[in-house]
C-alpha atoms as a PDB file:
ATOM      1  CA  MET A   1      17.149  -8.914   2.841  1.00  0.00           C
ATOM      2  CA  PRO A   2      19.186 -11.842   1.472  1.00  0.00           C
ATOM      3  CA  TYR A   3      16.182 -12.870  -0.624  1.00  0.00           C
ATOM      4  CA  MET A   4      15.900  -9.382  -2.106  1.00  0.00           C
ATOM      5  CA  ALA A   5      19.649  -9.277  -2.820  1.00  0.00           C
ATOM      6  CA  ARG A   6      19.532 -12.645  -4.549  1.00  0.00           C
ATOM      7  CA  ARG A   7      16.422 -11.657  -6.471  1.00  0.00           C
ATOM      8  CA  SER A   8      18.149  -8.545  -7.808  1.00  0.00           C
ATOM      9  CA  LEU A   9      20.742 -10.781  -9.496  1.00  0.00           C
ATOM     10  CA  THR A  10      18.165 -12.709 -11.535  1.00  0.00           C
ATOM     11  CA  VAL A  11      16.630 -11.256 -14.678  1.00  0.00           C
ATOM     12  CA  PRO A  12      12.828 -11.728 -14.784  1.00  0.00           C
ATOM     13  CA  ASP A  13      11.380 -13.537 -17.790  1.00  0.00           C
ATOM     14  CA  VAL A  14       8.708 -11.161 -19.130  1.00  0.00           C
ATOM     15  CA  SER A  15       7.485 -13.665 -21.718  1.00  0.00           C
ATOM     16  CA  GLN A  16       6.269 -16.010 -18.986  1.00  0.00           C
ATOM     17  CA  ARG A  17       3.470 -14.187 -17.183  1.00  0.00           C
ATOM     18  CA  ARG A  18       1.785 -16.034 -14.323  1.00  0.00           C
ATOM     19  CA  GLU A  19      -1.779 -15.444 -13.256  1.00  0.00           C
ATOM     20  CA  LYS A  20      -2.441 -14.474  -9.676  1.00  0.00           C
ATOM     21  CA  GLY A  21      -4.003 -17.155  -7.543  1.00  0.00           C
ATOM     22  CA  LEU A  22      -7.001 -17.145  -5.260  1.00  0.00           C
ATOM     23  CA  LEU A  23      -4.937 -16.173  -2.222  1.00  0.00           C
ATOM     24  CA  ALA A  24      -3.670 -13.013  -3.929  1.00  0.00           C
ATOM     25  CA  ARG A  25      -7.214 -12.005  -4.867  1.00  0.00           C
ATOM     26  CA  VAL A  26      -8.467 -12.674  -1.328  1.00  0.00           C
ATOM     27  CA  PHE A  27      -5.667 -10.504   0.093  1.00  0.00           C
ATOM     28  CA  GLY A  28      -6.497  -7.789  -2.432  1.00  0.00           C
ATOM     29  CA  TRP A  29     -10.214  -7.740  -1.614  1.00  0.00           C
ATOM     30  CA  THR A  30      -9.465  -7.856   2.106  1.00  0.00           C
ATOM     31  CA  GLY A  31      -7.128  -4.883   1.739  1.00  0.00           C
ATOM     32  CA  LEU A  32      -9.733  -2.932  -0.213  1.00  0.00           C
ATOM     33  CA  VAL A  33     -12.439  -3.621   2.376  1.00  0.00           C
ATOM     34  CA  VAL A  34     -10.195  -2.777   5.353  1.00  0.00           C
ATOM     35  CA  GLY A  35      -8.934   0.376   3.622  1.00  0.00           C
ATOM     36  CA  ALA A  36     -12.463   1.501   2.765  1.00  0.00           C
ATOM     37  CA  ILE A  37     -13.604   0.943   6.360  1.00  0.00           C
ATOM     38  CA  ALA A  38     -10.624   2.979   7.624  1.00  0.00           C
ATOM     39  CA  VAL A  39     -11.439   5.895   5.311  1.00  0.00           C
ATOM     40  CA  VAL A  40     -15.142   5.823   6.227  1.00  0.00           C
ATOM     41  CA  TRP A  41     -14.228   5.623   9.923  1.00  0.00           C
ATOM     42  CA  PHE A  42     -11.950   8.649   9.557  1.00  0.00           C
ATOM     43  CA  PHE A  43     -14.782  10.759   8.160  1.00  0.00           C
ATOM     44  CA  ARG A  44     -17.845   9.310   9.931  1.00  0.00           C
ATOM     45  CA  GLY A  45     -16.832   7.321  13.016  1.00  0.00           C
ATOM     46  CA  ARG A  46     -17.125   8.775  16.498  1.00  0.00           C
ATOM     47  CA  PRO A  47     -18.551  12.213  15.626  1.00  0.00           C
ATOM     48  CA  GLU A  48     -18.113  13.391  19.229  1.00  0.00           C
ATOM     49  CA  PHE A  49     -14.383  13.784  18.496  1.00  0.00           C
ATOM     50  CA  GLY A  50     -15.065  16.527  15.944  1.00  0.00           C
ATOM     51  CA  GLY A  51     -15.174  16.809  12.199  1.00  0.00           C
ATOM     52  CA  TRP A  52     -12.524  15.768   9.728  1.00  0.00           C
ATOM     53  CA  ALA A  53     -10.654  19.082  10.111  1.00  0.00           C
ATOM     54  CA  GLU A  54     -10.204  18.534  13.840  1.00  0.00           C
ATOM     55  CA  ARG A  55      -9.163  14.936  13.260  1.00  0.00           C
ATOM     56  CA  LEU A  56      -6.600  15.971  10.677  1.00  0.00           C
ATOM     57  CA  GLN A  57      -5.260  18.655  13.028  1.00  0.00           C
ATOM     58  CA  PHE A  58      -4.977  16.035  15.805  1.00  0.00           C
ATOM     59  CA  PHE A  59      -3.111  13.701  13.446  1.00  0.00           C
ATOM     60  CA  VAL A  60      -0.649  16.431  12.488  1.00  0.00           C
ATOM     61  CA  GLU A  61      -0.056  17.214  16.168  1.00  0.00           C
ATOM     62  CA  LYS A  62       0.558  13.516  16.895  1.00  0.00           C
ATOM     63  CA  VAL A  63       2.999  13.188  13.990  1.00  0.00           C
ATOM     64  CA  THR A  64       4.983  16.180  15.179  1.00  0.00           C
ATOM     65  CA  SER A  65       5.140  15.152  18.840  1.00  0.00           C
ATOM     66  CA  ASP A  66       4.718  11.376  19.321  1.00  0.00           C
ATOM     67  CA  ARG A  67       7.598   9.023  18.482  1.00  0.00           C
ATOM     68  CA  VAL A  68       5.355   6.006  17.875  1.00  0.00           C
ATOM     69  CA  THR A  69       3.205   7.929  15.398  1.00  0.00           C
ATOM     70  CA  VAL A  70       6.347   9.118  13.617  1.00  0.00           C
ATOM     71  CA  ALA A  71       7.589   5.521  13.434  1.00  0.00           C
ATOM     72  CA  PHE A  72       4.330   4.252  11.935  1.00  0.00           C
ATOM     73  CA  SER A  73       4.222   7.151   9.481  1.00  0.00           C
ATOM     74  CA  THR A  74       7.794   6.392   8.436  1.00  0.00           C
ATOM     75  CA  ASP A  75       6.836   2.742   7.948  1.00  0.00           C
ATOM     76  CA  LEU A  76       3.991   3.812   5.661  1.00  0.00           C
ATOM     77  CA  VAL A  77       6.348   5.916   3.537  1.00  0.00           C
ATOM     78  CA  LEU A  78       8.873   3.056   3.316  1.00  0.00           C
ATOM     79  CA  PHE A  79       6.051   0.650   2.414  1.00  0.00           C
ATOM     80  CA  GLY A  80       5.083   2.935  -0.466  1.00  0.00           C
ATOM     81  CA  ILE A  81       8.667   2.987  -1.737  1.00  0.00           C
ATOM     82  CA  PHE A  82       9.062  -0.798  -1.441  1.00  0.00           C
ATOM     83  CA  GLN A  83       5.700  -1.300  -3.159  1.00  0.00           C
ATOM     84  CA  ALA A  84       6.826   0.801  -6.131  1.00  0.00           C
ATOM     85  CA  VAL A  85      10.099  -1.099  -6.422  1.00  0.00           C
ATOM     86  CA  LEU A  86       8.739  -4.621  -5.943  1.00  0.00           C
ATOM     87  CA  ILE A  87       5.667  -4.314  -8.167  1.00  0.00           C
ATOM     88  CA  GLY A  88       7.898  -2.658 -10.759  1.00  0.00           C
ATOM     89  CA  ALA A  89      10.143  -5.721 -10.674  1.00  0.00           C
ATOM     90  CA  VAL A  90       7.213  -8.082 -11.233  1.00  0.00           C
ATOM     91  CA  GLU A  91       5.052  -6.125 -13.664  1.00  0.00           C
ATOM     92  CA  PRO A  92       6.502  -5.765 -17.203  1.00  0.00           C
ATOM     93  CA  VAL A  93       7.376  -2.302 -18.519  1.00  0.00           C
ATOM     94  CA  GLY A  94       4.591  -2.118 -21.117  1.00  0.00           C
ATOM     95  CA  SER A  95       1.834  -3.271 -18.759  1.00  0.00           C
ATOM     96  CA  ALA A  96      -1.374  -1.245 -18.477  1.00  0.00           C
ATOM     97  CA  VAL A  97      -1.497  -1.629 -14.678  1.00  0.00           C
ATOM     98  CA  ARG A  98       2.149  -0.788 -13.964  1.00  0.00           C
ATOM     99  CA  TRP A  99       1.151   2.696 -12.742  1.00  0.00           C
ATOM    100  CA  LEU A 100      -0.643   1.140  -9.740  1.00  0.00           C
ATOM    101  CA  ARG A 101       2.727   0.637  -8.072  1.00  0.00           C
ATOM    102  CA  PHE A 102       2.874   4.379  -7.335  1.00  0.00           C
ATOM    103  CA  VAL A 103      -0.429   4.413  -5.388  1.00  0.00           C
ATOM    104  CA  PRO A 104       0.458   3.279  -1.855  1.00  0.00           C
ATOM    105  CA  PHE A 105      -1.725   0.526  -0.360  1.00  0.00           C
ATOM    106  CA  TRP A 106      -4.679   1.035  -2.710  1.00  0.00           C
ATOM    107  CA  GLY A 107      -2.561   0.336  -5.783  1.00  0.00           C
ATOM    108  CA  LEU A 108      -1.280  -2.897  -4.278  1.00  0.00           C
ATOM    109  CA  ALA A 109      -4.779  -4.038  -3.331  1.00  0.00           C
ATOM    110  CA  ILE A 110      -6.156  -3.276  -6.801  1.00  0.00           C
ATOM    111  CA  TRP A 111      -3.120  -4.885  -8.442  1.00  0.00           C
ATOM    112  CA  LEU A 112      -3.713  -8.066  -6.428  1.00  0.00           C
ATOM    113  CA  VAL A 113      -7.369  -8.183  -7.465  1.00  0.00           C
ATOM    114  CA  ILE A 114      -6.755  -7.574 -11.195  1.00  0.00           C
END
């Protein structure tokens, strides 16, 4: 938190744009691969647990009754908000990829790759 407070006091220099390094691209590709596997697993993995409608119904039941699931879901929402704020602070206003900050997780992964 102190880093974020100090960072809010400095004005970013939009004329000096830095390219993302190899580590950022590796994190981006890793995020895309892990996210794609998670989506495929949701729809295709373990068919004995039912189709996607039953899985979605189970998820909704867990969110409404389990405290740990509520905590993780809240973390995901907060991550999406922080992602929008932090990428917005780094990416200049006229940038063509600035809209990616509003797509949770996937937008960050694509932004890191580009």
